[in-house]
Amino acid sequence: MPYVRDRISRFSDRLLVDEVQDFSSHDFDFLLELARSNVEVLMVGDFHQHTYDTSRDGSKGSALHSSFDSYKERFVDAGVAVDTVSLSKSRRCSSAVCEFITSRLGISIESASARVASVRVVDNQSEADEVWSRPDVVKLFYQEHSKYDCFAQNWGGSKGEDHYDEVCVVLNKTTWDHYQNGSLASMSPLTLNKLYVALSRSRGDVSLVRHTYFDSRKGQYRSR
């Protein structure tokens, strides 16, 4: 690592790392070692958008993402100054979406957007068919989006996408039950994070659709 850090210092002025929340196992340890390089280091990420691991090695780092406080301490202990303020407001999501995520998912997020938007629940087949027929609205499924003949993506697969003016988030049975019971925040961290990613893709409105309204359309493969 001293040699690696020396190489970075010799040829670079800055080290910038994005999507830092997905580094895991030995990759995470490597990242903290790189942070000790004699250059300016900036690492940016959203803890609650952790949807996959860059590497896995047995139980190494298995508890890394168990809580934000302990995760933050790993950086502090490595001498990294943690800033949770500068990027705390979303420039994409409306206040309505941020308030839904905060109140329902228990993930604190604020909006810097002045857009007027809404989060609505589609509760009948007619409205669901209307959303389905709109080619400008991406349908975000928990998984297997390619089995639906429409403009679609998976919750986790939509991470990093920033061009949707409106999205339709399809809730599978487990998630729908949690929504009905007001217990979305108690879902498994991975599922919760993926739902958070899906909800936060929209620049405007979000429609929540129960999976049963789209189930009859499943089964035809169509690549996009």
Protein backbone atom coordinates (compact mmCIF):
# COMPACT_ATOMS: atom_id res chain seq x y z
CA MET A 1 0.00 0.00 0.00
CA PRO A 2 2.82 2.54 0.62
CA TYR A 3 3.93 1.92 -2.96
CA VAL A 4 0.38 2.31 -4.29
CA ARG A 5 -0.15 5.53 -2.34
CA ASP A 6 3.17 6.85 -3.59
CA ARG A 7 2.17 6.15 -7.21
CA ILE A 8 -1.09 8.02 -6.74
CA SER A 9 0.66 10.99 -5.15
CA ARG A 10 3.26 11.05 -7.91
CA PHE A 11 0.84 11.13 -10.84
CA SER A 12 -2.37 12.62 -9.46
CA ASP A 13 -3.55 15.73 -7.64
CA ARG A 14 -6.91 14.37 -6.57
CA LEU A 15 -8.58 11.03 -6.03
CA LEU A 16 -12.35 11.06 -6.57
CA VAL A 17 -14.53 8.06 -5.73
CA ASP A 18 -18.24 7.87 -6.54
CA GLU A 19 -20.88 5.37 -5.32
CA VAL A 20 -18.67 4.73 -2.30
CA GLN A 21 -21.52 2.96 -0.46
CA ASP A 22 -21.12 -0.14 -2.66
CA PHE A 23 -17.49 -0.79 -1.74
CA SER A 24 -17.32 -3.79 0.55
CA SER A 25 -15.12 -6.54 1.97
CA HIS A 26 -11.44 -6.09 1.04
CA ASP A 27 -12.37 -3.37 -1.46
CA PHE A 28 -13.56 -1.20 1.41
CA ASP A 29 -10.31 -1.72 3.34
CA PHE A 30 -8.39 -0.87 0.16
CA LEU A 31 -10.42 2.33 -0.19
CA LEU A 32 -9.57 3.46 3.34
CA GLU A 33 -5.90 2.79 2.65
CA LEU A 34 -6.09 4.91 -0.53
CA ALA A 35 -7.61 7.72 1.56
CA ARG A 36 -4.24 8.03 3.29
CA SER A 37 -2.57 9.07 0.02
CA ASN A 38 -0.83 12.43 -0.03
CA VAL A 39 -3.43 13.95 -2.39
CA GLU A 40 -6.86 15.48 -1.98
CA VAL A 41 -9.37 12.62 -1.63
CA LEU A 42 -13.12 13.04 -2.10
CA MET A 43 -15.50 10.10 -1.67
CA VAL A 44 -19.19 10.54 -2.39
CA GLY A 45 -22.05 8.13 -1.75
CA ASP A 46 -25.48 7.51 -0.29
CA PHE A 47 -25.46 4.86 2.43
CA HIS A 48 -29.09 3.91 1.74
CA GLN A 49 -28.39 3.29 -1.94
CA HIS A 50 -26.22 0.30 -1.09
CA THR A 51 -27.79 -2.35 -3.32
CA TYR A 52 -24.85 -4.63 -4.12
CA ASP A 53 -21.28 -5.38 -3.03
CA THR A 54 -18.20 -4.72 -5.15
CA SER A 55 -16.61 -7.84 -3.66
CA ARG A 56 -17.30 -10.61 -1.18
CA ASP A 57 -14.98 -12.91 0.71
CA GLY A 58 -16.73 -15.11 3.22
CA SER A 59 -17.90 -13.11 6.22
CA LYS A 60 -15.32 -10.35 5.68
CA GLY A 61 -17.12 -7.03 6.20
CA SER A 62 -20.53 -8.66 6.43
CA ALA A 63 -21.63 -6.18 9.12
CA LEU A 64 -20.21 -3.12 7.35
CA HIS A 65 -23.62 -1.79 6.29
CA SER A 66 -25.52 -2.85 9.40
CA SER A 67 -25.92 0.76 10.58
CA PHE A 68 -25.00 4.19 9.32
CA ASP A 69 -23.41 5.23 12.61
CA SER A 70 -20.96 2.32 12.65
CA TYR A 71 -20.31 2.78 8.92
CA LYS A 72 -19.49 6.45 9.43
CA GLU A 73 -17.14 5.59 12.28
CA ARG A 74 -15.03 3.47 9.94
CA PHE A 75 -14.25 6.58 7.90
CA VAL A 76 -13.70 8.75 10.96
CA ASP A 77 -11.29 6.19 12.43
CA ALA A 78 -9.38 6.25 9.13
CA GLY A 79 -8.96 10.02 9.41
CA VAL A 80 -11.63 10.93 6.85
CA ALA A 81 -13.82 13.97 7.57
CA VAL A 82 -17.45 12.96 7.07
CA ASP A 83 -19.80 15.61 5.65
CA THR A 84 -23.50 14.72 5.87
CA VAL A 85 -24.76 18.24 5.11
CA SER A 86 -23.45 19.50 1.76
CA LEU A 87 -25.32 16.93 -0.33
CA SER A 88 -28.24 16.31 2.00
CA LYS A 89 -30.82 17.89 -0.34
CA SER A 90 -31.87 16.17 -3.54
CA ARG A 91 -31.78 18.29 -6.67
CA ARG A 92 -33.83 15.69 -8.52
CA CYS A 93 -36.70 14.71 -6.25
CA SER A 94 -39.67 16.90 -5.38
CA SER A 95 -40.67 17.71 -1.81
CA ALA A 96 -43.58 15.25 -2.11
CA VAL A 97 -41.28 12.36 -3.00
CA CYS A 98 -38.77 13.29 -0.30
CA GLU A 99 -41.51 13.52 2.32
CA PHE A 100 -42.85 10.09 1.30
CA ILE A 101 -39.39 8.52 1.53
CA THR A 102 -38.74 10.14 4.90
CA SER A 103 -42.07 9.31 6.48
CA ARG A 104 -42.68 5.87 4.97
CA LEU A 105 -39.19 4.43 4.51
CA GLY A 106 -37.55 6.13 7.49
CA ILE A 107 -34.75 7.46 5.28
CA SER A 108 -34.17 11.16 5.85
CA ILE A 109 -34.02 13.14 2.62
CA GLU A 110 -34.83 16.74 1.76
CA SER A 111 -35.53 18.47 -1.54
CA ALA A 112 -33.81 21.40 -3.19
CA SER A 113 -36.31 21.27 -6.05
CA ALA A 114 -39.21 23.68 -6.49
CA ARG A 115 -41.11 21.27 -8.74
CA VAL A 116 -44.71 20.55 -7.81
CA ALA A 117 -45.30 16.79 -7.86
CA SER A 118 -47.16 14.02 -6.06
CA VAL A 119 -46.96 10.41 -4.94
CA ARG A 120 -50.22 8.60 -5.71
CA VAL A 121 -51.46 5.06 -5.27
CA VAL A 122 -53.15 3.50 -8.30
CA ASP A 123 -56.05 1.51 -6.84
CA ASN A 124 -58.01 0.26 -9.85
CA GLN A 125 -57.33 -1.65 -13.06
CA SER A 126 -58.44 1.17 -15.34
CA GLU A 127 -55.86 3.61 -13.95
CA ALA A 128 -53.21 0.91 -13.96
CA ASP A 129 -53.89 0.20 -17.65
CA GLU A 130 -53.53 3.90 -18.39
CA VAL A 131 -50.14 4.04 -16.68
CA TRP A 132 -49.08 0.85 -18.46
CA SER A 133 -49.92 2.30 -21.87
CA ARG A 134 -47.81 5.42 -21.38
CA PRO A 135 -44.45 4.93 -23.15
CA ASP A 136 -42.98 7.94 -21.35
CA VAL A 137 -43.40 6.44 -17.88
CA VAL A 138 -40.88 3.79 -16.87
CA LYS A 139 -42.28 0.88 -14.88
CA LEU A 140 -39.89 -0.15 -12.09
CA PHE A 141 -40.23 -3.75 -10.89
CA TYR A 142 -38.60 -5.48 -7.94
CA GLN A 143 -37.14 -8.02 -10.36
CA GLU A 144 -37.58 -9.67 -13.80
CA HIS A 145 -38.51 -6.46 -15.60
CA SER A 146 -37.60 -8.05 -18.96
CA LYS A 147 -40.60 -10.38 -18.64
CA TYR A 148 -42.96 -7.44 -19.04
CA ASP A 149 -43.67 -6.04 -22.50
CA CYS A 150 -43.28 -2.37 -21.61
CA PHE A 151 -40.73 0.36 -20.88
CA ALA A 152 -39.32 -1.15 -17.70
CA GLN A 153 -36.36 -1.56 -15.35
CA ASN A 154 -35.70 -3.23 -11.99
CA TRP A 155 -35.63 -1.15 -8.81
CA GLY A 156 -31.94 -1.73 -8.18
CA GLY A 157 -31.06 -1.55 -11.86
CA SER A 158 -32.35 1.99 -12.09
CA LYS A 159 -29.64 3.32 -9.78
CA GLY A 160 -27.68 6.13 -11.39
CA GLU A 161 -30.41 6.94 -13.91
CA ASP A 162 -31.39 10.59 -13.83
CA HIS A 163 -33.67 11.33 -16.79
CA TYR A 164 -37.19 10.27 -15.72
CA ASP A 165 -39.81 12.99 -15.39
CA GLU A 166 -42.23 10.44 -13.93
CA VAL A 167 -41.95 6.85 -12.72
CA CYS A 168 -44.29 4.01 -11.84
CA VAL A 169 -43.05 1.85 -8.97
CA VAL A 170 -44.64 -1.60 -8.98
CA LEU A 171 -44.98 -3.03 -5.48
CA ASN A 172 -44.66 -6.80 -5.15
CA LYS A 173 -46.74 -8.70 -2.61
CA THR A 174 -44.33 -8.31 0.31
CA THR A 175 -43.80 -4.61 -0.29
CA TRP A 176 -47.50 -3.97 -0.84
CA ASP A 177 -48.34 -5.66 2.47
CA HIS A 178 -45.74 -3.51 4.23
CA TYR A 179 -47.16 -0.41 2.59
CA GLN A 180 -50.67 -1.32 3.73
CA ASN A 181 -49.44 -1.93 7.26
CA GLY A 182 -47.32 1.22 7.37
CA SER A 183 -44.20 -0.86 7.94
CA LEU A 184 -42.05 -0.24 4.86
CA ALA A 185 -39.20 0.93 7.10
CA SER A 186 -39.00 -2.54 8.69
CA MET A 187 -38.24 -4.39 5.44
CA SER A 188 -34.86 -6.02 4.92
CA PRO A 189 -32.15 -3.40 4.28
CA LEU A 190 -31.52 -4.61 0.72
CA THR A 191 -35.20 -4.43 -0.27
CA LEU A 192 -35.62 -1.09 1.48
CA ASN A 193 -32.60 0.37 -0.31
CA LYS A 194 -33.79 -0.83 -3.71
CA LEU A 195 -37.22 0.69 -3.15
CA TYR A 196 -35.56 3.94 -2.09
CA VAL A 197 -33.54 3.93 -5.31
CA ALA A 198 -36.68 3.36 -7.39
CA LEU A 199 -38.71 6.09 -5.70
CA SER A 200 -35.91 8.62 -5.98
CA ARG A 201 -35.46 8.26 -9.76
CA SER A 202 -38.32 10.63 -10.57
CA ARG A 203 -37.97 14.33 -11.25
CA GLY A 204 -41.74 14.65 -10.90
CA ASP A 205 -44.65 12.39 -10.04
CA VAL A 206 -44.49 8.83 -8.71
CA SER A 207 -47.27 6.28 -9.15
CA LEU A 208 -47.39 3.26 -6.86
CA VAL A 209 -49.06 0.25 -8.49
CA ARG A 210 -49.88 -3.05 -6.83
CA HIS A 211 -48.32 -5.95 -8.76
CA THR A 212 -51.67 -7.68 -9.30
CA TYR A 213 -52.70 -5.04 -11.83
CA PHE A 214 -49.75 -5.98 -14.06
CA ASP A 215 -49.39 -9.71 -13.37
CA SER A 216 -51.54 -10.73 -16.33
CA ARG A 217 -49.06 -9.03 -18.66
CA LYS A 218 -46.06 -11.00 -17.45
CA GLY A 219 -44.45 -13.71 -19.50
CA GLN A 220 -43.55 -12.25 -22.86
CA TYR A 221 -39.86 -11.50 -23.19
CA ARG A 222 -38.89 -8.35 -24.97
CA SER A 223 -35.38 -6.95 -25.05
CA ARG A 224 -34.79 -3.20 -24.98
